[in-house]
Amino acid sequence: MVGRSSVEGRYAYADIGRADAVFGTVVKRVFLLFLQASAIWLPSQPCFASAFGLREQSVSALGNAFAGGAAAADDPTYMFYNPAALALQSGSQIVALGTFLKPSTSFDLKSGSSAGGVSTGGGDGGSDASDDQFVPAVFAVVDLSRAVDVVDNLKVGLAVTSPFGLETDYNAGWAGRYYALQSKLRTVNVSPTVAFEPTDGLSVGGGVQAQYADAELSNAVDFGSIAATIPPLAPLAQPTEQDGRARFDGDDWAFGWTAGAIYQPWQGTRLGVSYRSALKHNLKGDARFRLDDDGIGNAVSNATGAFQNTGARARLETPEVVSFGVSQELNTQWSVMADAAWTRWSRVDELRVRFDNPSQPDDVTDTDWNDTWFFALGATYRPSDPWTLRAGVAYDQSPVPNRTRTPRVPDNDRYWFTLGLSYRPADSVDVTAGYAHVIGPDASVNLNADMNGSAAKGNLSGNVDATVDIVGMQIRWIF
């Protein structure tokens, strides 16, 4: 049948009992791998796709700069980009992978001041606002094509990934401290998936998403500038010299779905389209305030009822993604591929933290992000049977407008340059490595005290320079 691997028959199962046994074994192994991955994941994750998205869910796809991700099906990791890729797998499989990210993010300060024009001082936040991180993922496939013969080429799968993440961390006394100190977003996405072939050459798939998100945001509070607006406290106020700190922690589960199709009109050509739904988190947690040592924050709190520890919540919507891909075999050794993905980042129009304390005003940051496109081109070369070489380039558009860029997400357009290598020492095992260098132009930050929610945060101007080197390793077992 068009689109099926020639070795598929070797891995099919003769009856439902054997399929159930294999399914149980695979699930147990995935669960153990997930526990190990979670232990590594817990510290935090950086953001190195546009905004706070993380594309690094497949080392194979990384080697091609994710080109053809919606149409290719090299291994089960491609179900993240298109669940229909699951139907094109041979046999039951487990894939474990880890991606090491080494970023470099620096803020070149131009100026910083309070709303009243007092210099904030404190410098540029440190030589690097991001730490090295490790991002794991686990995939599993169970082949039920022989056990359930009423459905052609039926596969079920499970993906445990982290599609969104962010971390920036600046020195406590830096000039932009009222806008951001530490920003963290961590996610774990569990996605059961099913795929099959309703007709020759057409694969379809879909699944559900259960996503856990945990966020932490902190910034300094300029009690000196706030006290200057309260007449009884104004004589004691020293703007930018009487700082406290605010921190919000919250988490939530959200649910969504995925769907996709891959069509092979003739041998060697695949066309793919896929959709990942938006997920709406309502992060619930606590807001905690640390007051200054001079007692001004305490006086402000007594006068206004604000800046007291309280419950808090924030809305977080992760965007839907529509992907289009094509993969073309030129001959037995060469393949080329391309991908285009549209992401609805315009869902992120503001960052608003609401407090249970009615005397504490909402903390609001206008974002007004734009929808984006990601474009990638790649090539794959197979010099001999056990070896596969990959390369790719990509353009990753940023959703962040210049006028609303903040130190929390100092994002800009990015350019990807990637290489990859796979080696298959046996029919049941292959190992894949990938490397990417990601660069982009400097991102300007120009924030003013007259912007919505910025009266107590002041003015900040500077440029952010960011690059990242990414190395991934992946191993696949076929049963």
Protein backbone atom coordinates (compact mmCIF):
# COMPACT_ATOMS: atom_id res chain seq x y z
CA MET A 1 0.00 0.00 0.00
CA VAL A 2 1.33 3.46 -0.85
CA GLY A 3 3.08 5.16 2.08
CA ARG A 4 3.79 2.02 4.12
CA SER A 5 7.28 0.89 5.00
CA SER A 6 8.46 -2.28 3.28
CA VAL A 7 9.52 -3.70 6.65
CA GLU A 8 6.15 -3.17 8.32
CA GLY A 9 5.22 -6.83 8.31
CA ARG A 10 8.15 -7.78 10.49
CA TYR A 11 6.74 -5.81 13.41
CA ALA A 12 2.99 -6.54 13.13
CA TYR A 13 1.26 -8.57 15.80
CA ALA A 14 -0.79 -11.68 15.21
CA ASP A 15 -3.45 -11.26 17.90
CA ILE A 16 -4.90 -8.86 20.43
CA GLY A 17 -3.37 -10.66 23.40
CA ARG A 18 0.14 -10.10 22.16
CA ALA A 19 -0.65 -6.48 21.33
CA ASP A 20 -1.91 -5.91 24.87
CA ALA A 21 1.30 -7.40 26.30
CA VAL A 22 3.45 -5.15 24.16
CA PHE A 23 1.29 -2.15 25.03
CA GLY A 24 1.77 -2.81 28.74
CA THR A 25 5.54 -3.12 28.34
CA VAL A 26 5.76 0.09 26.33
CA VAL A 27 3.62 2.05 28.79
CA LYS A 28 5.75 0.90 31.74
CA ARG A 29 8.95 1.92 29.96
CA VAL A 30 7.51 5.29 28.97
CA PHE A 31 6.37 5.91 32.54
CA LEU A 32 9.85 5.19 33.91
CA LEU A 33 11.47 7.39 31.28
CA PHE A 34 8.98 10.15 32.06
CA LEU A 35 9.84 10.06 35.76
CA GLN A 36 13.53 10.33 34.94
CA ALA A 37 12.91 13.13 32.45
CA SER A 38 10.77 15.05 34.93
CA ALA A 39 13.55 14.99 37.51
CA ILE A 40 15.85 16.66 35.00
CA TRP A 41 13.17 19.05 33.77
CA LEU A 42 12.15 20.50 37.11
CA PRO A 43 14.75 23.31 37.40
CA SER A 44 13.29 25.36 34.49
CA GLN A 45 13.45 25.89 30.78
CA PRO A 46 14.54 28.72 28.53
CA CYS A 47 12.70 30.11 25.54
CA PHE A 48 14.45 29.70 22.19
CA ALA A 49 11.73 29.54 19.59
CA SER A 50 9.59 32.63 19.00
CA ALA A 51 8.17 34.12 22.21
CA PHE A 52 8.05 31.27 24.78
CA GLY A 53 7.56 28.38 22.37
CA LEU A 54 9.93 25.41 22.29
CA ARG A 55 10.28 23.56 18.97
CA GLU A 56 12.95 21.18 20.25
CA GLN A 57 10.78 18.06 20.57
CA SER A 58 12.65 15.95 17.97
CA VAL A 59 16.38 15.63 17.37
CA SER A 60 15.70 14.21 13.90
CA ALA A 61 13.61 17.25 12.97
CA LEU A 62 16.19 19.55 14.57
CA GLY A 63 18.80 18.36 12.06
CA ASN A 64 16.59 19.66 9.22
CA ALA A 65 15.69 22.88 11.10
CA PHE A 66 12.21 21.29 11.50
CA ALA A 67 11.68 21.50 7.73
CA GLY A 68 9.11 18.93 6.61
CA GLY A 69 8.01 18.36 10.19
CA ALA A 70 4.35 18.31 9.14
CA ALA A 71 4.99 15.86 6.27
CA ALA A 72 7.94 13.68 7.25
CA ALA A 73 7.70 10.60 9.46
CA ASP A 74 11.30 9.57 10.10
CA ASP A 75 10.43 8.36 13.60
CA PRO A 76 7.68 8.74 16.24
CA THR A 77 8.89 12.18 17.36
CA TYR A 78 7.26 13.65 14.27
CA MET A 79 3.85 13.01 15.84
CA PHE A 80 4.48 16.24 17.80
CA TYR A 81 4.39 18.22 14.54
CA ASN A 82 1.70 16.09 12.87
CA PRO A 83 -0.13 13.23 14.63
CA ALA A 84 -0.72 11.53 11.25
CA ALA A 85 3.01 10.66 11.18
CA LEU A 86 2.17 7.97 13.73
CA ALA A 87 0.43 5.84 11.07
CA LEU A 88 3.62 5.73 8.97
CA GLN A 89 5.71 4.11 11.71
CA SER A 90 6.74 0.44 11.59
CA GLY A 91 6.32 -1.66 14.68
CA SER A 92 6.00 -0.65 18.33
CA GLN A 93 8.66 1.85 19.37
CA ILE A 94 10.02 4.00 22.17
CA VAL A 95 12.04 7.17 21.60
CA ALA A 96 13.86 9.06 24.37
CA LEU A 97 15.65 12.31 23.69
CA GLY A 98 17.29 15.21 25.42
CA THR A 99 18.23 18.64 24.13
CA PHE A 100 20.93 20.74 25.78
CA LEU A 101 20.58 24.48 25.27
CA LYS A 102 23.43 26.88 25.87
CA PRO A 103 22.08 30.42 25.55
CA SER A 104 23.71 33.80 25.85
CA THR A 105 21.44 36.75 26.65
CA SER A 106 22.76 40.18 27.60
CA PHE A 107 21.10 43.57 28.12
CA ASP A 108 23.00 46.65 26.94
CA LEU A 109 21.60 49.45 29.10
CA LYS A 110 21.10 52.92 27.63
CA SER A 111 19.14 54.57 30.43
CA GLY A 112 16.82 53.86 33.34
CA SER A 113 14.87 56.24 35.54
CA SER A 114 11.78 56.58 37.71
CA ALA A 115 8.65 58.32 36.48
CA GLY A 116 9.96 61.45 38.19
CA GLY A 117 13.28 61.27 36.34
CA VAL A 118 15.46 59.86 39.15
CA SER A 119 18.14 57.52 37.79
CA THR A 120 17.55 53.91 38.77
CA GLY A 121 21.25 52.98 38.60
CA GLY A 122 22.27 49.37 39.04
CA GLY A 123 23.72 48.48 35.65
CA ASP A 124 22.63 46.08 32.92
CA GLY A 125 21.48 43.03 34.90
CA GLY A 126 24.55 40.85 34.55
CA SER A 127 26.61 39.37 31.74
CA ASP A 128 24.07 36.63 30.96
CA ALA A 129 20.37 36.60 31.88
CA SER A 130 19.88 32.91 30.99
CA ASP A 131 21.31 29.61 32.20
CA ASP A 132 22.19 26.41 30.37
CA GLN A 133 19.26 24.00 30.36
CA PHE A 134 18.27 20.44 29.43
CA VAL A 135 14.88 19.69 27.83
CA PRO A 136 13.78 16.01 27.65
CA ALA A 137 10.95 14.31 25.75
CA VAL A 138 9.61 10.75 25.48
CA PHE A 139 7.51 9.14 22.71
CA ALA A 140 5.96 5.68 22.39
CA VAL A 141 4.09 3.88 19.61
CA VAL A 142 2.09 0.64 19.74
CA ASP A 143 1.30 -1.08 16.42
CA LEU A 144 -2.23 -2.53 16.41
CA SER A 145 -2.52 -2.95 12.64
CA ARG A 146 -2.73 -6.76 12.80
CA ALA A 147 -4.55 -7.05 16.10
CA VAL A 148 -7.37 -4.77 14.88
CA ASP A 149 -7.73 -5.73 11.24
CA VAL A 150 -10.93 -3.71 10.67
CA VAL A 151 -8.86 -0.50 10.69
CA ASP A 152 -5.97 -0.21 8.28
CA ASN A 153 -2.53 0.49 9.77
CA LEU A 154 -3.82 1.47 13.21
CA LYS A 155 -1.26 2.96 15.60
CA VAL A 156 -1.64 4.45 19.07
CA GLY A 157 0.99 6.65 20.66
CA LEU A 158 1.93 8.74 23.64
CA ALA A 159 4.08 11.87 23.67
CA VAL A 160 5.42 13.54 26.82
CA THR A 161 6.94 16.87 25.83
CA SER A 162 7.53 20.44 26.97
CA PRO A 163 6.27 22.73 24.17
CA PHE A 164 6.50 26.01 26.08
CA GLY A 165 9.13 27.35 28.44
CA LEU A 166 10.81 30.56 29.52
CA GLU A 167 13.48 31.76 31.89
CA THR A 168 15.17 35.10 32.29
CA ASP A 169 17.00 36.04 35.49
CA TYR A 170 18.57 39.45 36.14
CA ASN A 171 20.71 40.75 39.01
CA ALA A 172 18.65 42.01 41.95
CA GLY A 173 19.71 45.65 41.73
CA TRP A 174 19.84 46.18 37.97
CA ALA A 175 18.36 49.21 36.22
CA GLY A 176 15.32 47.34 34.87
CA ARG A 177 14.47 45.67 38.17
CA TYR A 178 11.00 47.24 38.37
CA TYR A 179 10.06 45.53 35.09
CA ALA A 180 11.64 42.12 35.68
CA LEU A 181 13.90 40.16 37.96
CA GLN A 182 13.09 36.50 37.42
CA SER A 183 10.61 35.08 34.90
CA LYS A 184 9.94 31.34 34.64
CA LEU A 185 7.44 29.26 32.72
CA ARG A 186 7.56 25.45 32.78
CA THR A 187 5.22 23.06 30.99
CA VAL A 188 4.70 19.32 30.66
CA ASN A 189 2.37 18.18 27.86
CA VAL A 190 0.99 14.62 27.82
CA SER A 191 -0.62 13.74 24.49
CA PRO A 192 -2.22 10.33 23.75
CA THR A 193 -2.59 9.97 19.96
CA VAL A 194 -4.18 7.60 17.45
CA ALA A 195 -3.58 7.39 13.69
CA PHE A 196 -4.58 5.16 10.78
CA GLU A 197 -4.89 5.05 6.97
CA PRO A 198 -8.50 5.43 5.79
CA THR A 199 -7.41 4.92 2.17
CA ASP A 200 -4.27 4.26 0.15
CA GLY A 201 -1.78 7.09 0.48
CA LEU A 202 -3.71 9.03 3.14
CA SER A 203 -2.80 8.98 6.83
CA VAL A 204 -4.84 10.80 9.44
CA GLY A 205 -4.29 11.21 13.15
CA GLY A 206 -5.46 13.06 16.22
CA GLY A 207 -5.01 13.26 19.93
CA VAL A 208 -5.70 15.14 23.13
CA GLN A 209 -3.37 17.39 25.09
CA ALA A 210 -3.18 17.54 28.88
CA GLN A 211 -0.77 20.33 29.74
CA TYR A 212 0.54 21.38 33.14
CA ALA A 213 1.98 24.88 33.44
CA ASP A 214 3.86 26.44 36.33
CA ALA A 215 4.93 30.10 36.30
CA GLU A 216 6.95 32.41 38.53
CA LEU A 217 7.30 36.16 38.01
CA SER A 218 9.16 38.62 40.19
CA ASN A 219 10.20 42.26 40.08
CA ALA A 220 11.35 44.99 42.41
CA VAL A 221 8.87 47.54 43.81
CA ASP A 222 9.91 51.21 44.01
CA PHE A 223 8.25 52.12 47.32
CA GLY A 224 10.13 55.42 47.29
CA SER A 225 8.35 56.58 44.13
CA ILE A 226 4.98 55.28 45.35
CA ALA A 227 5.39 57.03 48.72
CA ALA A 228 6.22 60.28 46.88
CA THR A 229 2.62 60.33 45.57
CA ILE A 230 1.14 60.04 49.10
CA PRO A 231 1.33 63.49 50.78
CA PRO A 232 1.94 62.33 54.38
CA LEU A 233 4.77 60.05 53.22
CA ALA A 234 6.29 62.29 50.54
CA PRO A 235 8.87 63.95 52.88
CA LEU A 236 10.33 60.52 53.70
CA ALA A 237 10.32 59.18 50.16
CA GLN A 238 13.55 58.46 48.28
CA PRO A 239 12.63 57.20 44.79
CA THR A 240 14.69 54.21 43.54
CA GLU A 241 16.36 53.93 46.99
CA GLN A 242 13.62 52.16 48.98
CA ASP A 243 12.99 48.98 47.06
CA GLY A 244 10.89 45.99 47.97
CA ARG A 245 10.04 42.93 45.91
CA ALA A 246 6.92 41.27 44.50
CA ARG A 247 6.65 37.63 43.41
CA PHE A 248 3.81 35.64 41.86
CA ASP A 249 3.71 31.83 41.68
CA GLY A 250 0.89 29.93 40.01
CA ASP A 251 0.09 26.70 38.21
CA ASP A 252 -2.75 25.04 36.32
CA TRP A 253 -3.79 22.16 34.03
CA ALA A 254 -5.36 22.86 30.63
CA PHE A 255 -6.66 20.60 27.86
CA GLY A 256 -6.70 20.74 24.09
CA TRP A 257 -6.33 18.59 20.98
CA THR A 258 -4.29 17.93 17.87
CA ALA A 259 -5.19 16.70 14.38
CA GLY A 260 -3.39 16.21 11.08
CA ALA A 261 -3.17 14.44 7.75
CA ILE A 262 -0.36 13.30 5.45
CA TYR A 263 -1.07 12.55 1.80
CA GLN A 264 1.25 10.70 -0.54
CA PRO A 265 0.00 11.36 -4.11
CA TRP A 266 2.76 9.21 -5.55
CA GLN A 267 5.81 7.36 -4.31
CA GLY A 268 8.42 9.66 -2.76
CA THR A 269 6.21 12.73 -2.23
CA ARG A 270 4.41 13.59 0.99
CA LEU A 271 2.21 16.59 1.77
CA GLY A 272 1.16 17.32 5.33
CA VAL A 273 -1.07 19.65 7.31
CA SER A 274 -1.59 19.70 11.07
CA TYR A 275 -3.25 21.68 13.84
CA ARG A 276 -2.48 22.08 17.54
CA SER A 277 -5.20 23.80 19.52
CA ALA A 278 -4.80 26.69 21.92
CA LEU A 279 -4.78 25.87 25.63
CA LYS A 280 -6.21 28.25 28.20
CA HIS A 281 -4.54 28.22 31.59
CA ASN A 282 -5.86 30.05 34.62
CA LEU A 283 -2.76 30.07 36.79
CA LYS A 284 -3.71 30.17 40.46
CA GLY A 285 -1.29 30.72 43.29
CA ASP A 286 0.09 33.34 45.65
CA ALA A 287 1.51 36.84 45.50
CA ARG A 288 4.11 37.67 48.11
CA PHE A 289 5.63 41.05 48.89
CA ARG A 290 8.91 41.83 50.62
CA LEU A 291 8.96 45.37 51.99
CA ASP A 292 11.98 47.68 52.18
CA ASP A 293 14.21 47.99 55.23
CA ASP A 294 13.38 51.70 55.80
CA GLY A 295 9.74 51.02 56.64
CA ILE A 296 8.38 53.04 53.72
CA GLY A 297 6.74 49.98 52.15
CA ASN A 298 5.05 49.19 55.45
CA ALA A 299 3.77 52.76 55.66
CA VAL A 300 2.47 52.55 52.08
CA SER A 301 0.76 49.24 52.88
CA ASN A 302 -0.91 50.69 55.99
CA ALA A 303 -2.07 53.75 54.07
CA THR A 304 -3.46 51.89 51.05
CA GLY A 305 -4.15 48.30 52.17
CA ALA A 306 -2.00 47.06 49.29
CA PHE A 307 1.27 45.09 49.20
CA GLN A 308 0.07 42.37 51.57
CA ASN A 309 0.55 38.67 50.84
CA THR A 310 -2.53 37.37 49.07
CA GLY A 311 -3.87 34.82 46.64
CA ALA A 312 -3.47 35.72 42.98
CA ARG A 313 -4.16 34.43 39.48
CA ALA A 314 -3.09 35.11 35.93
CA ARG A 315 -4.40 34.03 32.54
CA LEU A 316 -2.02 32.24 30.20
CA GLU A 317 -3.09 31.15 26.71
CA THR A 318 -0.71 29.06 24.65
CA PRO A 319 -1.44 29.62 20.96
CA GLU A 320 -2.82 27.35 18.27
CA VAL A 321 -0.43 26.31 15.50
CA VAL A 322 -1.24 25.40 11.89
CA SER A 323 1.61 23.70 10.01
CA PHE A 324 2.11 22.85 6.35
CA GLY A 325 4.90 20.58 5.13
CA VAL A 326 6.26 18.83 2.08
CA SER A 327 8.87 16.09 1.80
CA GLN A 328 10.27 14.96 -1.55
CA GLU A 329 12.61 12.05 -2.27
CA LEU A 330 14.91 12.92 -5.17
CA ASN A 331 16.46 9.45 -5.34
CA THR A 332 17.43 6.68 -2.94
CA GLN A 333 20.01 8.92 -1.26
CA TRP A 334 18.65 12.47 -1.33
CA SER A 335 15.49 14.06 0.05
CA VAL A 336 14.47 17.70 0.38
CA MET A 337 11.77 19.17 2.56
CA ALA A 338 10.09 22.44 3.53
CA ASP A 339 7.78 23.64 6.25
CA ALA A 340 5.63 26.66 7.07
CA ALA A 341 3.90 27.11 10.43
CA TRP A 342 1.46 29.83 11.49
CA THR A 343 1.13 30.57 15.21
CA ARG A 344 -1.65 32.69 16.69
CA TRP A 345 0.41 34.64 19.19
CA SER A 346 -2.14 37.49 19.02
CA ARG A 347 -3.96 35.63 21.81
CA VAL A 348 -1.30 37.10 24.12
CA ASP A 349 -2.55 40.70 24.35
CA GLU A 350 -1.52 41.43 27.93
CA LEU A 351 0.08 39.98 31.04
CA ARG A 352 -2.30 40.66 33.93
CA VAL A 353 -1.96 39.41 37.50
CA ARG A 354 -5.16 39.73 39.55
CA PHE A 355 -5.04 39.74 43.34
CA ASP A 356 -7.54 38.44 45.87
CA ASN A 357 -6.77 41.50 48.00
CA PRO A 358 -9.28 44.11 46.70
CA SER A 359 -6.93 46.92 47.69
CA GLN A 360 -4.16 45.62 45.42
CA PRO A 361 -4.59 46.88 41.83
CA ASP A 362 -4.03 44.46 38.96
CA ASP A 363 -0.47 44.30 37.73
CA VAL A 364 -0.77 44.85 33.97
CA THR A 365 1.77 44.71 31.15
CA ASP A 366 0.48 45.36 27.65
CA THR A 367 1.99 42.90 25.16
CA ASP A 368 -0.20 43.18 22.04
CA TRP A 369 1.69 40.35 20.27
CA ASN A 370 1.29 39.56 16.59
CA ASP A 371 0.63 36.29 14.77
CA THR A 372 3.80 34.79 13.29
CA TRP A 373 5.18 32.52 10.57
CA PHE A 374 8.01 30.02 10.72
CA PHE A 375 9.66 28.94 7.45
CA ALA A 376 12.23 26.16 7.05
CA LEU A 377 14.13 24.36 4.28
CA GLY A 378 16.09 21.15 4.73
CA ALA A 379 17.90 18.32 2.99
CA THR A 380 18.69 14.72 3.96
CA TYR A 381 21.47 12.56 2.52
CA ARG A 382 21.88 8.81 3.05
CA PRO A 383 25.43 7.90 1.95
CA SER A 384 25.05 4.25 3.02
CA ASP A 385 22.46 2.07 4.71
CA PRO A 386 23.18 2.76 8.43
CA TRP A 387 23.95 6.49 8.06
CA THR A 388 21.73 9.56 7.55
CA LEU A 389 22.96 13.15 7.33
CA ARG A 390 20.73 16.21 7.70
CA ALA A 391 20.98 19.99 7.29
CA GLY A 392 18.56 22.88 7.38
CA VAL A 393 17.92 26.60 7.70
CA ALA A 394 14.91 28.43 9.11
CA TYR A 395 13.45 31.87 9.74
CA ASP A 396 11.50 32.21 13.00
CA GLN A 397 9.40 35.37 13.17
CA SER A 398 8.93 37.02 16.56
CA PRO A 399 5.47 38.10 17.74
CA VAL A 400 6.83 40.87 19.97
CA PRO A 401 6.44 44.45 18.66
CA ASN A 402 9.28 46.86 19.36
CA ARG A 403 6.98 49.14 21.36
CA THR A 404 5.96 46.47 23.93
CA ARG A 405 9.16 44.44 24.26
CA THR A 406 10.13 43.96 27.91
CA PRO A 407 13.06 42.29 29.68
CA ARG A 408 10.76 39.38 30.61
CA VAL A 409 10.51 38.21 26.99
CA PRO A 410 13.15 40.19 25.05
CA ASP A 411 12.32 38.32 21.85
CA ASN A 412 13.22 39.14 18.25
CA ASP A 413 13.26 37.37 14.86
CA ARG A 414 15.63 34.38 14.75
CA TYR A 415 17.60 32.48 12.14
CA TRP A 416 18.36 28.78 12.52
CA PHE A 417 21.32 26.88 11.02
CA THR A 418 21.30 23.16 11.77
CA LEU A 419 23.06 19.84 11.17
CA GLY A 420 22.09 16.29 12.08
CA LEU A 421 23.37 12.70 11.97
CA SER A 422 21.69 9.32 12.48
CA TYR A 423 23.31 5.91 12.79
CA ARG A 424 21.44 2.58 12.82
CA PRO A 425 23.69 -0.17 14.22
CA ALA A 426 20.84 -2.72 14.14
CA ASP A 427 17.34 -3.02 12.73
CA SER A 428 15.83 -2.38 16.15
CA VAL A 429 17.95 0.60 17.28
CA ASP A 430 19.03 3.94 15.89
CA VAL A 431 20.83 6.89 17.45
CA THR A 432 20.46 10.50 16.30
CA ALA A 433 22.39 13.68 17.08
CA GLY A 434 21.59 17.23 16.09
CA TYR A 435 23.09 20.70 16.39
CA ALA A 436 21.65 24.19 15.87
CA HIS A 437 23.06 27.69 16.05
CA VAL A 438 20.37 30.33 16.47
CA ILE A 439 21.05 34.04 15.99
CA GLY A 440 19.05 37.22 15.55
CA PRO A 441 19.46 41.00 15.39
CA ASP A 442 19.62 43.00 18.61
CA ALA A 443 16.20 43.61 20.16
CA SER A 444 15.49 47.13 21.39
CA VAL A 445 13.66 47.83 24.66
CA ASN A 446 12.03 51.25 25.05
CA LEU A 447 9.61 51.37 27.98
CA ASN A 448 8.08 54.56 29.38
CA ALA A 449 6.41 55.36 32.68
CA ASP A 450 3.31 56.67 30.86
CA MET A 451 2.56 53.23 29.37
CA ASN A 452 -0.33 51.23 30.84
CA GLY A 453 0.72 49.75 34.19
CA SER A 454 4.19 51.35 34.13
CA ALA A 455 3.78 54.43 36.35
CA ALA A 456 5.63 52.77 39.26
CA LYS A 457 8.09 50.95 36.99
CA GLY A 458 9.61 54.00 35.36
CA ASN A 459 11.55 54.33 32.12
CA LEU A 460 13.94 51.79 30.62
CA SER A 461 15.91 51.83 27.38
CA GLY A 462 18.46 49.38 26.00
CA ASN A 463 19.24 46.57 23.57
CA VAL A 464 19.17 42.82 24.10
CA ASP A 465 21.62 40.51 22.33
CA ALA A 466 20.76 36.80 22.32
CA THR A 467 22.24 33.70 20.67
CA VAL A 468 21.96 30.01 21.48
CA ASP A 469 23.73 26.77 20.64
CA ILE A 470 21.61 23.62 20.82
CA VAL A 471 22.81 20.02 20.95
CA GLY A 472 20.40 17.08 20.98
CA MET A 473 20.70 13.32 21.36
CA GLN A 474 17.99 10.78 20.65
CA ILE A 475 17.72 6.97 20.78
CA ARG A 476 14.95 4.84 19.32
CA TRP A 477 14.04 1.22 20.06
CA ILE A 478 11.78 -0.80 17.73
CA PHE A 479 10.06 -3.90 19.14
